[in-house]
Amino acid sequence: MKDSSISKFFEKTRKERLDVVRNFANLSEAELEILQGSDGGISFEKADKMVENAIGTFSLPLGIATNFQINGKDYLVPMVIEEPSVIAAASKGAKVARKYGGFDTSADESYSIGQIQVLNADVASEIKIKESENEILSLANSKSNTLSKMGKGAKEVSCKKLETPTGEMLIVELLIDVGDAMGANVTNTMCEAVALLLEEITGGRTLLRILSNYSTKRIAKASAVFDKDEVGGEHVVDNIVLAYQFADNDVYRAVTHNKGIMNGIIAVANATGQDSRAIEAAANAYAARSGRYRSLSKWSKDENGNLVGSLELPLSVGIVGGIANVHPIAKICTKILGVTSAQEMACIMTATGLAQNYSAIHALATDGIQKGHMRLHARNLAAAAGARPEQIDAIVQKMVKENKISLDRAKELLGQI
């Protein structure tokens, strides 16, 4: 059985870390070579085919979060992020959660929402659309043989009216089961396919035909119990609950609180080739679904005094199609996770967000966020000052001891060396 609880992973050399990941995920020599390459797994020629006006590539650090146990299964979680302390924090949160079995997670089926804007529609348009639902669905599904063969595809047609400054408009929505894909392309294709038919049915004019990234039919949830002794005692548990209540009732705190959650989620999204902008947009809309922007997570104390955390948000992710099938590193990261469905991917990402949130709110409620973060940031400053790899640790230790962590001090210490 695979075990993601790896002692002192951060102290291992790069080769030792890669050996751990290779054995865990059964990576090939070719895949190891891609991970060890200096181009981030993508050549300029490939980049030039992915985007317009390409002039180069831009790499970010790829790390591994350890200790994750999700629904009884262990994972090593690839994370791509430039911010120090995030991967360490996620690993720490996952380690504390292991005592009570790690993270319990669930995710909805992959239903995408497509929208067609209809202007100047007849008064009876909603009734006519309902009567023509089978015809509309059949036309939409004719645009994806793959989904149709799998018993998926467009499943439902609904309507809503919007009152706007220029008058009333009708919005027709397609509910589409996109399987293990993120589903943007197929959703847009189906929306465009049925537009002319909707014009015939309604007597109106269609304008926008596009998916909604507010994927409320794809909710992912995660929860975990964090032992009170591991947390630091019931007084720390109480302080974390109070810190959560601050975030849940003040928009200025909530934005930063939720940003910490997204540090974990987006880092996994980056590693596996997901649409991080869509994920961020949906999460922030969901945080404001009550009419006020609030915390995405919830924290409480159970009858035994332990800390209980939960997180839910819409997560539109996929393991087939898109960049995940094009980018070599994204492919390898998906293999490291060993996921077999989009739902499993969403569960991992939500658990990572909750683990990250635990560590951030724990730090804030105890020593403060800067103690651990600045120690890691000091390494970046030492490197920016021009220190060679063998000089960095000495400079970092001195800055931390003095509690003077700055680029100027790093330069001074380098000069002394």
Protein backbone atom coordinates (compact mmCIF):
# COMPACT_ATOMS: atom_id res chain seq x y z
CA MET A 1 0.00 0.00 0.00
CA LYS A 2 1.29 3.46 -0.90
CA ASP A 3 2.24 5.75 1.96
CA SER A 4 2.50 9.52 1.46
CA SER A 5 3.75 10.12 5.01
CA ILE A 6 7.43 10.61 4.18
CA SER A 7 9.74 11.69 6.98
CA LYS A 8 11.83 14.83 6.33
CA PHE A 9 11.12 14.89 2.62
CA PHE A 10 12.33 18.51 2.55
CA GLU A 11 15.79 17.43 3.74
CA LYS A 12 16.33 14.99 0.89
CA THR A 13 18.36 15.84 -2.20
CA ARG A 14 16.58 16.40 -5.48
CA LYS A 15 17.59 12.94 -6.67
CA GLU A 16 16.27 11.36 -3.47
CA ARG A 17 12.97 13.23 -3.81
CA LEU A 18 12.62 12.15 -7.43
CA ASP A 19 13.34 8.56 -6.45
CA VAL A 20 10.53 8.70 -3.88
CA VAL A 21 8.10 10.13 -6.42
CA ARG A 22 9.23 7.69 -9.13
CA ASN A 23 8.61 4.69 -6.88
CA PHE A 24 5.31 6.08 -5.59
CA ALA A 25 3.91 6.84 -9.05
CA ASN A 26 5.82 4.22 -11.09
CA LEU A 27 7.33 6.87 -13.35
CA SER A 28 9.39 5.85 -16.38
CA GLU A 29 12.92 7.00 -17.10
CA ALA A 30 11.56 9.23 -19.86
CA GLU A 31 9.17 10.90 -17.41
CA LEU A 32 12.01 11.41 -14.94
CA GLU A 33 14.05 13.10 -17.66
CA ILE A 34 11.18 15.49 -18.36
CA LEU A 35 10.97 16.39 -14.66
CA GLN A 36 14.74 16.92 -14.53
CA GLY A 37 14.80 19.10 -17.64
CA SER A 38 15.46 22.83 -17.52
CA ASP A 39 12.65 23.90 -19.88
CA GLY A 40 9.71 23.13 -17.62
CA GLY A 41 8.73 20.24 -19.87
CA ILE A 42 7.80 22.42 -22.80
CA SER A 43 9.95 23.57 -25.71
CA PHE A 44 9.50 26.87 -27.50
CA GLU A 45 8.17 25.00 -30.53
CA LYS A 46 5.39 23.53 -28.41
CA ALA A 47 4.72 26.85 -26.70
CA ASP A 48 4.43 28.52 -30.10
CA LYS A 49 1.60 26.14 -30.95
CA MET A 50 -0.18 26.68 -27.65
CA VAL A 51 -0.41 30.51 -27.65
CA GLU A 52 -0.19 33.39 -30.07
CA ASN A 53 2.88 35.61 -30.48
CA ALA A 54 5.05 33.33 -28.33
CA ILE A 55 8.56 34.54 -27.52
CA GLY A 56 9.63 31.99 -24.90
CA THR A 57 8.51 29.97 -21.90
CA PHE A 58 8.11 30.86 -18.22
CA SER A 59 8.79 28.30 -15.50
CA LEU A 60 7.49 28.11 -11.94
CA PRO A 61 8.66 25.78 -9.14
CA LEU A 62 7.08 22.32 -9.01
CA GLY A 63 7.01 20.72 -5.57
CA ILE A 64 5.39 17.77 -3.83
CA ALA A 65 3.08 17.97 -0.82
CA THR A 66 3.34 14.88 1.37
CA ASN A 67 1.18 13.21 4.05
CA PHE A 68 -2.15 13.40 2.20
CA GLN A 69 -4.71 10.72 2.98
CA ILE A 70 -8.01 11.30 1.20
CA ASN A 71 -10.98 8.93 1.45
CA GLY A 72 -8.60 6.28 2.80
CA LYS A 73 -6.09 6.59 -0.05
CA ASP A 74 -2.61 8.13 0.14
CA TYR A 75 -1.45 10.75 -2.35
CA LEU A 76 1.66 12.70 -3.16
CA VAL A 77 0.28 16.02 -4.39
CA PRO A 78 2.17 17.99 -7.08
CA MET A 79 1.93 21.76 -6.59
CA VAL A 80 3.16 24.55 -8.89
CA ILE A 81 3.48 27.88 -7.13
CA GLU A 82 6.02 30.68 -6.71
CA GLU A 83 5.12 31.54 -3.11
CA PRO A 84 7.29 30.07 -0.33
CA SER A 85 5.73 28.13 2.57
CA VAL A 86 2.60 27.00 0.69
CA ILE A 87 3.74 23.44 -0.05
CA ALA A 88 5.18 23.05 3.45
CA ALA A 89 1.94 24.34 4.96
CA ALA A 90 -0.22 21.96 2.93
CA SER A 91 2.00 19.03 3.94
CA LYS A 92 1.82 20.04 7.60
CA GLY A 93 -1.97 20.34 7.52
CA ALA A 94 -2.27 16.94 5.88
CA LYS A 95 0.02 15.41 8.51
CA VAL A 96 -2.09 16.70 11.40
CA ALA A 97 -5.28 15.44 9.69
CA ARG A 98 -3.88 11.89 9.32
CA LYS A 99 -4.46 11.06 13.00
CA TYR A 100 -8.20 10.89 12.41
CA GLY A 101 -8.04 9.32 8.95
CA GLY A 102 -7.18 12.32 6.82
CA PHE A 103 -9.75 14.04 4.62
CA ASP A 104 -13.27 12.92 3.80
CA THR A 105 -14.23 14.31 0.41
CA SER A 106 -16.92 14.15 -2.24
CA ALA A 107 -17.59 15.76 -5.61
CA ASP A 108 -20.65 16.10 -7.81
CA GLU A 109 -20.85 14.66 -11.29
CA SER A 110 -19.31 16.87 -13.98
CA TYR A 111 -22.26 18.96 -15.08
CA SER A 112 -21.43 22.02 -17.13
CA ILE A 113 -23.85 24.91 -17.68
CA GLY A 114 -24.13 26.51 -21.12
CA GLN A 115 -26.03 29.75 -21.69
CA ILE A 116 -27.68 31.19 -24.80
CA GLN A 117 -28.88 34.79 -24.66
CA VAL A 118 -32.11 35.36 -26.60
CA LEU A 119 -33.34 38.88 -27.37
CA ASN A 120 -36.87 39.92 -28.40
CA ALA A 121 -38.28 36.46 -27.72
CA ASP A 122 -42.00 35.74 -28.07
CA VAL A 123 -44.13 35.86 -24.94
CA ALA A 124 -44.74 32.09 -25.07
CA SER A 125 -41.07 31.21 -25.68
CA GLU A 126 -40.54 29.36 -22.40
CA ILE A 127 -43.46 27.06 -23.08
CA LYS A 128 -42.30 26.45 -26.66
CA ILE A 129 -38.76 25.67 -25.52
CA LYS A 130 -40.04 23.16 -22.97
CA GLU A 131 -42.14 21.49 -25.67
CA SER A 132 -39.07 21.35 -27.93
CA GLU A 133 -36.64 20.15 -25.26
CA ASN A 134 -36.00 16.75 -26.86
CA GLU A 135 -35.26 18.33 -30.24
CA ILE A 136 -32.87 20.84 -28.65
CA LEU A 137 -31.06 18.13 -26.68
CA SER A 138 -30.79 15.89 -29.72
CA LEU A 139 -29.22 18.67 -31.77
CA ALA A 140 -26.78 19.53 -28.97
CA ASN A 141 -25.75 15.91 -28.50
CA SER A 142 -25.16 15.45 -32.22
CA LYS A 143 -22.04 17.60 -31.71
CA SER A 144 -20.31 15.05 -29.47
CA ASN A 145 -20.30 11.41 -30.45
CA THR A 146 -17.94 10.63 -27.58
CA LEU A 147 -20.24 11.90 -24.83
CA SER A 148 -23.31 10.37 -26.45
CA LYS A 149 -21.69 6.94 -26.60
CA MET A 150 -20.85 7.22 -22.90
CA GLY A 151 -24.44 8.04 -21.99
CA LYS A 152 -23.44 11.60 -21.13
CA GLY A 153 -23.91 14.92 -22.94
CA ALA A 154 -26.73 17.48 -22.81
CA LYS A 155 -29.39 16.39 -20.30
CA GLU A 156 -31.69 19.29 -19.61
CA VAL A 157 -32.90 22.63 -21.00
CA SER A 158 -34.12 25.43 -18.74
CA CYS A 159 -34.97 29.12 -19.10
CA LYS A 160 -34.86 32.28 -17.03
CA LYS A 161 -35.80 35.88 -17.73
CA LEU A 162 -33.60 38.84 -16.91
CA GLU A 163 -34.80 42.41 -16.53
CA THR A 164 -32.12 44.78 -17.83
CA PRO A 165 -31.90 48.54 -18.51
CA THR A 166 -32.60 47.85 -22.20
CA GLY A 167 -35.48 45.48 -21.57
CA GLU A 168 -36.20 41.84 -20.89
CA MET A 169 -34.00 39.06 -22.22
CA LEU A 170 -34.42 35.30 -22.13
CA ILE A 171 -31.52 33.09 -21.05
CA VAL A 172 -31.69 29.46 -22.16
CA GLU A 173 -29.44 27.10 -20.23
CA LEU A 174 -28.14 23.67 -21.22
CA LEU A 175 -27.11 21.27 -18.47
CA ILE A 176 -24.37 19.04 -19.90
CA ASP A 177 -22.66 16.01 -18.38
CA VAL A 178 -19.11 16.42 -19.69
CA GLY A 179 -17.65 13.30 -18.07
CA ASP A 180 -13.99 13.57 -17.11
CA ALA A 181 -13.36 16.74 -19.12
CA MET A 182 -13.45 20.30 -17.87
CA GLY A 183 -15.95 20.72 -20.67
CA ALA A 184 -15.60 24.28 -21.90
CA ASN A 185 -15.15 23.46 -25.57
CA VAL A 186 -17.95 20.94 -25.87
CA THR A 187 -20.31 23.21 -23.91
CA ASN A 188 -19.58 26.18 -26.17
CA THR A 189 -19.97 24.00 -29.28
CA MET A 190 -23.39 22.76 -28.12
CA CYS A 191 -24.56 26.27 -27.27
CA GLU A 192 -23.63 27.53 -30.71
CA ALA A 193 -25.24 24.49 -32.37
CA VAL A 194 -28.69 25.09 -30.89
CA ALA A 195 -28.73 28.88 -31.33
CA LEU A 196 -30.46 28.91 -34.74
CA LEU A 197 -33.06 26.39 -33.57
CA LEU A 198 -33.80 28.59 -30.55
CA GLU A 199 -34.27 31.57 -32.84
CA GLU A 200 -36.85 29.59 -34.84
CA ILE A 201 -38.65 28.48 -31.66
CA THR A 202 -38.70 31.89 -29.96
CA GLY A 203 -38.83 34.28 -32.90
CA GLY A 204 -35.99 36.15 -31.21
CA ARG A 205 -32.31 36.81 -31.87
CA THR A 206 -29.54 34.92 -30.09
CA LEU A 207 -26.44 36.81 -29.03
CA LEU A 208 -24.04 35.20 -26.54
CA ARG A 209 -23.66 31.41 -26.64
CA ILE A 210 -21.14 30.26 -24.03
CA LEU A 211 -20.59 28.20 -20.91
CA SER A 212 -20.84 29.64 -17.42
CA ASN A 213 -17.74 29.20 -15.28
CA TYR A 214 -19.94 29.48 -12.20
CA SER A 215 -20.11 25.70 -11.97
CA THR A 216 -22.62 25.28 -9.15
CA LYS A 217 -23.53 21.80 -10.40
CA ARG A 218 -19.94 20.66 -9.71
CA ILE A 219 -19.57 21.20 -5.98
CA ALA A 220 -16.63 19.56 -4.22
CA LYS A 221 -16.47 19.11 -0.43
CA ALA A 222 -13.76 18.18 2.05
CA SER A 223 -13.70 17.84 5.82
CA ALA A 224 -11.20 16.73 8.44
CA VAL A 225 -10.71 16.49 12.20
CA PHE A 226 -7.51 17.99 13.62
CA ASP A 227 -6.50 16.58 17.00
CA LYS A 228 -6.57 19.21 19.75
CA ASP A 229 -3.19 18.15 21.11
CA GLU A 230 -1.58 18.34 17.66
CA VAL A 231 -3.18 21.73 17.18
CA GLY A 232 -1.73 22.98 20.47
CA GLY A 233 -4.54 22.55 22.98
CA GLU A 234 -8.17 23.58 23.25
CA HIS A 235 -7.24 27.25 23.70
CA VAL A 236 -5.63 27.20 20.24
CA VAL A 237 -8.69 25.41 18.85
CA ASP A 238 -10.86 28.17 20.32
CA ASN A 239 -8.62 30.86 18.84
CA ILE A 240 -8.79 29.26 15.39
CA VAL A 241 -12.60 29.23 15.59
CA LEU A 242 -12.52 32.90 16.54
CA ALA A 243 -10.17 33.63 13.64
CA TYR A 244 -12.59 31.86 11.28
CA GLN A 245 -15.50 33.91 12.63
CA PHE A 246 -13.52 37.06 11.83
CA ALA A 247 -13.11 35.88 8.23
CA ASP A 248 -16.74 34.86 7.92
CA ASN A 249 -17.99 38.26 9.03
CA ASP A 250 -15.55 40.74 7.50
CA VAL A 251 -14.96 40.99 3.78
CA TYR A 252 -11.45 42.40 4.16
CA ARG A 253 -10.36 39.39 6.20
CA ALA A 254 -12.41 36.95 4.10
CA VAL A 255 -10.58 37.84 0.88
CA THR A 256 -7.19 37.06 2.44
CA HIS A 257 -8.55 33.97 4.18
CA ASN A 258 -9.93 32.61 0.91
CA LYS A 259 -6.76 33.55 -0.96
CA GLY A 260 -4.94 31.16 1.37
CA ILE A 261 -7.36 28.38 0.48
CA MET A 262 -6.81 29.06 -3.21
CA ASN A 263 -3.02 28.92 -2.68
CA GLY A 264 -3.47 25.19 -2.25
CA ILE A 265 -6.14 24.62 -4.87
CA ILE A 266 -4.57 26.71 -7.62
CA ALA A 267 -1.12 25.19 -7.04
CA VAL A 268 -2.57 21.75 -7.83
CA ALA A 269 -4.54 23.23 -10.72
CA ASN A 270 -1.35 24.69 -12.18
CA ALA A 271 0.48 21.38 -11.84
CA THR A 272 -2.24 19.39 -13.60
CA GLY A 273 -3.14 21.82 -16.38
CA GLN A 274 -6.52 23.05 -15.10
CA ASP A 275 -8.17 26.37 -15.93
CA SER A 276 -7.10 28.25 -12.80
CA ARG A 277 -8.87 31.49 -13.80
CA ALA A 278 -12.21 29.69 -14.08
CA ILE A 279 -11.65 28.02 -10.71
CA GLU A 280 -10.79 31.33 -9.01
CA ALA A 281 -13.76 33.15 -10.52
CA ALA A 282 -16.23 30.45 -9.49
CA ALA A 283 -14.81 30.21 -5.97
CA ASN A 284 -15.10 33.95 -5.37
CA ALA A 285 -18.66 34.04 -6.70
CA TYR A 286 -19.54 31.10 -4.42
CA ALA A 287 -18.05 32.92 -1.43
CA ALA A 288 -20.57 35.71 -2.06
CA ARG A 289 -23.60 33.50 -2.75
CA SER A 290 -25.36 34.67 0.45
CA GLY A 291 -25.22 38.27 -0.78
CA ARG A 292 -22.12 38.98 1.30
CA TYR A 293 -18.56 37.79 0.63
CA ARG A 294 -17.71 35.20 3.32
CA SER A 295 -15.27 32.43 4.20
CA LEU A 296 -15.33 29.41 1.90
CA SER A 297 -14.31 27.15 4.79
CA LYS A 298 -15.93 26.51 8.18
CA TRP A 299 -14.16 25.78 11.48
CA SER A 300 -15.64 24.51 14.74
CA LYS A 301 -14.85 22.48 17.86
CA ASP A 302 -16.35 19.02 18.37
CA GLU A 303 -17.54 17.48 21.64
CA ASN A 304 -14.03 16.16 22.33
CA GLY A 305 -12.41 19.55 21.91
CA ASN A 306 -10.86 18.72 18.53
CA LEU A 307 -10.81 21.17 15.63
CA VAL A 308 -13.14 20.36 12.72
CA GLY A 309 -12.69 21.98 9.33
CA SER A 310 -14.78 21.79 6.19
CA LEU A 311 -14.61 23.35 2.76
CA GLU A 312 -16.93 23.38 -0.23
CA LEU A 313 -16.75 25.21 -3.52
CA PRO A 314 -17.54 24.74 -7.22
CA LEU A 315 -14.66 23.02 -9.00
CA SER A 316 -14.70 22.58 -12.75
CA VAL A 317 -11.73 20.33 -13.50
CA GLY A 318 -10.85 17.57 -15.94
CA ILE A 319 -8.37 14.79 -16.59
CA VAL A 320 -8.95 14.52 -20.33
CA GLY A 321 -8.64 17.16 -23.04
CA GLY A 322 -7.14 20.62 -22.78
CA ILE A 323 -3.62 21.38 -21.57
CA ALA A 324 -3.63 18.26 -19.39
CA ASN A 325 -3.23 16.21 -22.57
CA VAL A 326 -0.66 18.53 -24.17
CA HIS A 327 1.77 19.62 -21.50
CA PRO A 328 4.26 16.86 -20.55
CA ILE A 329 4.65 18.03 -16.95
CA ALA A 330 0.89 18.24 -16.47
CA LYS A 331 0.59 14.67 -17.73
CA ILE A 332 3.23 13.47 -15.29
CA CYS A 333 1.68 15.33 -12.37
CA THR A 334 -1.67 13.73 -13.12
CA LYS A 335 0.07 10.35 -13.17
CA ILE A 336 1.70 11.08 -9.80
CA LEU A 337 -1.76 11.69 -8.36
CA GLY A 338 -3.02 8.47 -9.92
CA VAL A 339 -6.50 9.90 -10.46
CA THR A 340 -9.07 8.04 -12.53
CA SER A 341 -11.86 10.64 -12.71
CA ALA A 342 -12.51 14.35 -12.68
CA GLN A 343 -14.32 13.88 -9.36
CA GLU A 344 -11.21 12.38 -7.76
CA MET A 345 -9.16 15.32 -9.01
CA ALA A 346 -11.66 17.77 -7.50
CA CYS A 347 -11.53 15.91 -4.18
CA ILE A 348 -7.74 16.14 -4.02
CA MET A 349 -7.75 19.83 -4.84
CA THR A 350 -10.39 20.59 -2.19
CA ALA A 351 -8.50 18.61 0.46
CA THR A 352 -5.33 20.52 -0.43
CA GLY A 353 -7.17 23.81 -0.04
CA LEU A 354 -8.46 22.78 3.39
CA ALA A 355 -5.00 21.60 4.51
CA GLN A 356 -3.49 24.89 3.40
CA ASN A 357 -6.23 26.84 5.17
CA TYR A 358 -5.62 24.92 8.40
CA SER A 359 -1.92 25.73 8.45
CA ALA A 360 -2.46 29.39 7.61
CA ILE A 361 -5.15 29.97 10.21
CA HIS A 362 -3.18 27.97 12.80
CA ALA A 363 -0.12 30.13 12.21
CA LEU A 364 -2.17 33.31 12.47
CA ALA A 365 -3.79 32.17 15.72
CA THR A 366 -0.45 31.26 17.32
CA ASP A 367 2.97 32.61 16.28
CA GLY A 368 1.81 34.80 13.42
CA ILE A 369 2.14 34.16 9.70
CA GLN A 370 5.59 35.67 9.27
CA LYS A 371 7.66 33.37 11.48
CA GLY A 372 7.64 30.39 9.14
CA HIS A 373 6.97 32.30 5.95
CA MET A 374 9.88 34.70 6.35
CA ARG A 375 12.34 31.91 7.07
CA LEU A 376 11.48 30.44 3.68
CA HIS A 377 11.39 33.88 2.08
CA ALA A 378 14.91 34.48 3.40
CA ARG A 379 16.20 31.84 0.99
CA ASN A 380 14.79 33.82 -1.93
CA LEU A 381 16.41 36.99 -0.63
CA ALA A 382 19.79 35.30 -0.22
CA ALA A 383 19.60 34.03 -3.79
CA ALA A 384 18.51 37.45 -5.05
CA ALA A 385 21.53 38.97 -3.30
CA GLY A 386 23.75 36.77 -5.45
CA ALA A 387 24.64 34.03 -2.94
CA ARG A 388 25.82 30.71 -4.34
CA PRO A 389 23.87 27.60 -3.26
CA GLU A 390 26.51 26.64 -0.69
CA GLN A 391 26.33 30.13 0.88
CA ILE A 392 22.56 30.42 1.21
CA ASP A 393 22.01 28.42 4.42
CA ALA A 394 24.59 30.45 6.38
CA ILE A 395 23.02 33.73 5.29
CA VAL A 396 19.50 32.52 6.07
CA GLN A 397 20.45 31.29 9.55
CA LYS A 398 22.09 34.61 10.36
CA MET A 399 19.14 36.69 9.16
CA VAL A 400 16.63 34.54 11.05
CA LYS A 401 18.71 34.69 14.25
CA GLU A 402 18.92 38.47 14.00
CA ASN A 403 15.28 38.75 12.90
CA LYS A 404 16.53 41.00 10.11
CA ILE A 405 15.23 39.44 6.91
CA SER A 406 15.76 41.80 4.01
CA LEU A 407 17.57 42.01 0.70
CA ASP A 408 19.93 44.67 2.05
CA ARG A 409 20.91 42.49 5.01
CA ALA A 410 21.41 39.50 2.74
CA LYS A 411 23.80 41.57 0.61
CA GLU A 412 25.68 42.73 3.70
CA LEU A 413 26.11 39.16 4.95
CA LEU A 414 27.19 37.97 1.51
CA GLY A 415 29.84 40.68 1.51
CA GLN A 416 31.10 39.46 4.89
CA ILE A 417 31.35 35.91 3.56
